[in-house]
Amino acid sequence: MDTPRQLRVFVDANILIRGITFPRFPYEILRLAARQTITLVVSASVLDDARRYVGLLFPDHLPKLEGFLATALIETIPDLTPEEVVSHRNLVRDFKDVPVVLAAAEARVDFLVSADTDLTDVNQTTEALRALIAPGKVMTPGAFLDQVIGWSHAELDAISRRQWRDMLGDIWV
């Protein structure tokens, strides 16, 4: 019998940033990668953006980000060319999200997880995105934990209110 293939989940910089700085849903996505339950897929520019933003606004969390990146199951893919990005400039509402969507599509990931409503809203502004990635495969972190990982409402509710002081021991196990 074949072993089921591990899910490959593309995340954008906001998941990395929020997952490192707040112990809520994005943190749990990162923890799944740290436990090697999923393979986190990111582009080189997503990593650069996350490092830059955390370094500027949350410098105390930068070692935590680097520690996570050193231990988690992460696949880094190259960025697309500027020409490829510009040729798809109308793919989503915010042009800065085009490289993220194209990288996720190019990597043929199972899911794109983001807290950015420019990607997760289900309306005409994300219609092309959903056609490119596949309907139901672009999700918020909470929806992913609920619908794909199968966490209960009680588990998700507890996480939605959690603070760092509530965490015990190693944060990635």
Protein backbone atom coordinates (compact mmCIF):
# COMPACT_ATOMS: atom_id res chain seq x y z
CA MET A 1 0.00 0.00 0.00
CA ASP A 2 1.33 3.45 -0.91
CA THR A 3 2.06 5.96 1.82
CA PRO A 4 -0.07 9.08 1.44
CA ARG A 5 1.85 12.02 0.03
CA GLN A 6 2.51 14.85 2.45
CA LEU A 7 0.52 18.01 1.75
CA ARG A 8 2.50 20.85 0.18
CA VAL A 9 1.17 24.16 1.48
CA PHE A 10 2.29 27.50 0.05
CA VAL A 11 2.23 30.36 2.55
CA ASP A 12 2.84 34.03 1.99
CA ALA A 13 4.90 36.37 4.15
CA ASN A 14 1.94 37.32 6.34
CA ILE A 15 1.63 33.72 7.57
CA LEU A 16 5.34 33.61 8.45
CA ILE A 17 5.20 37.01 10.14
CA ARG A 18 1.98 36.36 12.08
CA GLY A 19 3.03 32.81 12.92
CA ILE A 20 6.25 34.02 14.49
CA THR A 21 4.78 37.00 16.32
CA PHE A 22 1.37 35.72 17.52
CA PRO A 23 0.51 32.18 18.76
CA ARG A 24 -2.71 31.82 16.83
CA PHE A 25 -3.79 30.14 13.55
CA PRO A 26 -0.75 31.10 11.42
CA TYR A 27 1.50 29.84 14.24
CA GLU A 28 -0.27 26.48 14.05
CA ILE A 29 0.41 26.30 10.30
CA LEU A 30 4.11 26.84 11.04
CA ARG A 31 4.01 24.29 13.83
CA LEU A 32 2.62 21.67 11.42
CA ALA A 33 5.69 22.28 9.24
CA ALA A 34 8.01 22.19 12.27
CA ARG A 35 6.49 18.82 13.21
CA GLN A 36 6.93 17.78 9.56
CA THR A 37 3.22 17.07 9.19
CA ILE A 38 3.04 19.29 6.11
CA THR A 39 5.64 20.66 3.74
CA LEU A 40 5.65 24.42 3.78
CA VAL A 41 6.36 25.88 0.34
CA VAL A 42 7.60 29.45 -0.01
CA SER A 43 9.25 31.53 -2.68
CA ALA A 44 12.57 33.27 -2.15
CA SER A 45 10.85 36.68 -2.13
CA VAL A 46 8.33 35.52 0.51
CA LEU A 47 11.24 34.58 2.78
CA ASP A 48 12.98 37.89 2.10
CA ASP A 49 9.79 39.85 2.84
CA ALA A 50 9.17 37.96 6.09
CA ARG A 51 12.73 38.43 7.30
CA ARG A 52 12.71 42.13 6.44
CA TYR A 53 9.34 42.83 8.08
CA VAL A 54 10.09 40.83 11.25
CA GLY A 55 13.54 42.43 11.49
CA LEU A 56 12.09 45.94 11.20
CA LEU A 57 8.97 45.66 13.34
CA PHE A 58 9.59 42.67 15.60
CA PRO A 59 13.39 42.39 15.92
CA ASP A 60 13.14 40.30 19.09
CA HIS A 61 11.31 37.65 17.04
CA LEU A 62 13.91 37.39 14.27
CA PRO A 63 15.90 34.61 16.03
CA LYS A 64 12.64 32.68 16.41
CA LEU A 65 11.97 33.04 12.67
CA GLU A 66 15.48 31.87 11.78
CA GLY A 67 15.22 28.96 14.21
CA PHE A 68 11.94 27.92 12.67
CA LEU A 69 13.35 28.15 9.13
CA ALA A 70 16.33 26.01 10.16
CA THR A 71 14.22 23.19 11.59
CA ALA A 72 10.89 23.08 9.74
CA LEU A 73 10.10 21.12 6.61
CA ILE A 74 10.30 23.91 4.03
CA GLU A 75 10.64 23.84 0.26
CA THR A 76 11.91 27.10 -1.19
CA ILE A 77 11.10 27.72 -4.83
CA PRO A 78 12.56 30.39 -7.11
CA ASP A 79 10.73 33.57 -7.93
CA LEU A 80 9.23 34.08 -11.35
CA THR A 81 10.70 36.67 -13.68
CA PRO A 82 9.49 40.27 -13.51
CA GLU A 83 8.13 39.85 -17.05
CA GLU A 84 6.00 36.88 -15.99
CA VAL A 85 4.66 38.83 -13.03
CA VAL A 86 3.81 41.92 -15.10
CA SER A 87 2.08 39.81 -17.74
CA HIS A 88 -0.35 38.63 -15.01
CA ARG A 89 -0.80 42.03 -13.33
CA ASN A 90 -4.60 41.69 -13.21
CA LEU A 91 -4.61 38.26 -11.61
CA VAL A 92 -5.57 39.62 -8.16
CA ARG A 93 -6.63 42.94 -6.62
CA ASP A 94 -3.21 43.88 -5.24
CA PHE A 95 -0.33 43.68 -7.70
CA LYS A 96 2.16 42.83 -4.92
CA ASP A 97 0.31 39.52 -4.46
CA VAL A 98 0.78 38.43 -8.09
CA PRO A 99 4.23 36.86 -7.48
CA VAL A 100 2.81 34.86 -4.56
CA VAL A 101 -0.07 33.46 -6.62
CA LEU A 102 2.13 32.66 -9.60
CA ALA A 103 4.76 30.96 -7.44
CA ALA A 104 2.09 28.82 -5.74
CA ALA A 105 0.61 27.86 -9.10
CA GLU A 106 4.03 27.11 -10.60
CA ALA A 107 4.90 24.91 -7.61
CA ARG A 108 1.60 23.00 -8.03
CA VAL A 109 0.94 23.08 -4.31
CA ASP A 110 -2.02 21.42 -2.67
CA PHE A 111 -3.10 24.61 -0.88
CA LEU A 112 -2.32 28.31 -0.72
CA VAL A 113 -2.84 29.55 2.84
CA SER A 114 -2.99 33.27 3.54
CA ALA A 115 -4.59 35.75 5.90
CA ASP A 116 -4.66 38.32 3.08
CA THR A 117 -8.24 38.96 1.99
CA ASP A 118 -6.95 40.02 -1.43
CA LEU A 119 -6.28 36.30 -1.88
CA THR A 120 -8.92 34.61 0.25
CA ASP A 121 -12.10 36.60 -0.50
CA VAL A 122 -14.41 34.60 -2.72
CA ASN A 123 -15.64 37.14 -5.25
CA GLN A 124 -14.90 38.38 -8.76
CA THR A 125 -11.52 39.87 -7.69
CA THR A 126 -10.20 36.39 -6.90
CA GLU A 127 -11.95 34.50 -9.70
CA ALA A 128 -8.80 34.18 -11.85
CA LEU A 129 -6.77 33.17 -8.80
CA ARG A 130 -9.22 30.41 -7.93
CA ALA A 131 -9.18 29.17 -11.52
CA LEU A 132 -5.39 29.07 -11.46
CA ILE A 133 -4.89 27.41 -8.05
CA ALA A 134 -8.16 25.39 -8.01
CA PRO A 135 -11.45 26.08 -6.28
CA GLY A 136 -11.33 25.40 -2.56
CA LYS A 137 -7.53 25.34 -2.43
CA VAL A 138 -6.98 28.97 -1.36
CA MET A 139 -7.78 29.20 2.34
CA THR A 140 -7.36 31.20 5.49
CA PRO A 141 -5.29 29.54 8.22
CA GLY A 142 -8.40 28.82 10.32
CA ALA A 143 -10.25 27.25 7.39
CA PHE A 144 -7.21 25.09 6.59
CA LEU A 145 -6.94 23.86 10.19
CA ASP A 146 -10.69 23.18 10.26
CA GLN A 147 -11.43 21.74 6.82
CA VAL A 148 -8.13 20.05 5.92
CA ILE A 149 -6.45 19.16 9.21
CA GLY A 150 -9.80 18.46 10.90
CA TRP A 151 -9.45 20.38 14.12
CA SER A 152 -12.56 20.79 16.23
CA HIS A 153 -14.41 24.02 16.89
CA ALA A 154 -13.27 23.87 20.54
CA GLU A 155 -9.60 23.54 19.53
CA LEU A 156 -9.87 26.42 17.07
CA ASP A 157 -11.73 28.61 19.56
CA ALA A 158 -9.01 28.11 22.18
CA ILE A 159 -6.29 29.01 19.66
CA SER A 160 -8.13 32.16 18.54
CA ARG A 161 -7.69 33.69 22.00
CA ARG A 162 -4.27 32.27 22.94
CA GLN A 163 -1.35 34.43 24.10
CA TRP A 164 2.36 33.57 24.31
CA ARG A 165 2.09 33.32 28.09
CA ASP A 166 -0.34 30.41 27.56
CA MET A 167 2.36 28.40 25.75
CA LEU A 168 4.43 25.91 27.70
CA GLY A 169 7.82 24.49 26.78
CA ASP A 170 9.21 24.35 23.26
CA ILE A 171 6.98 26.40 21.02
CA TRP A 172 7.44 24.19 17.96
CA VAL A 173 6.52 20.79 19.42
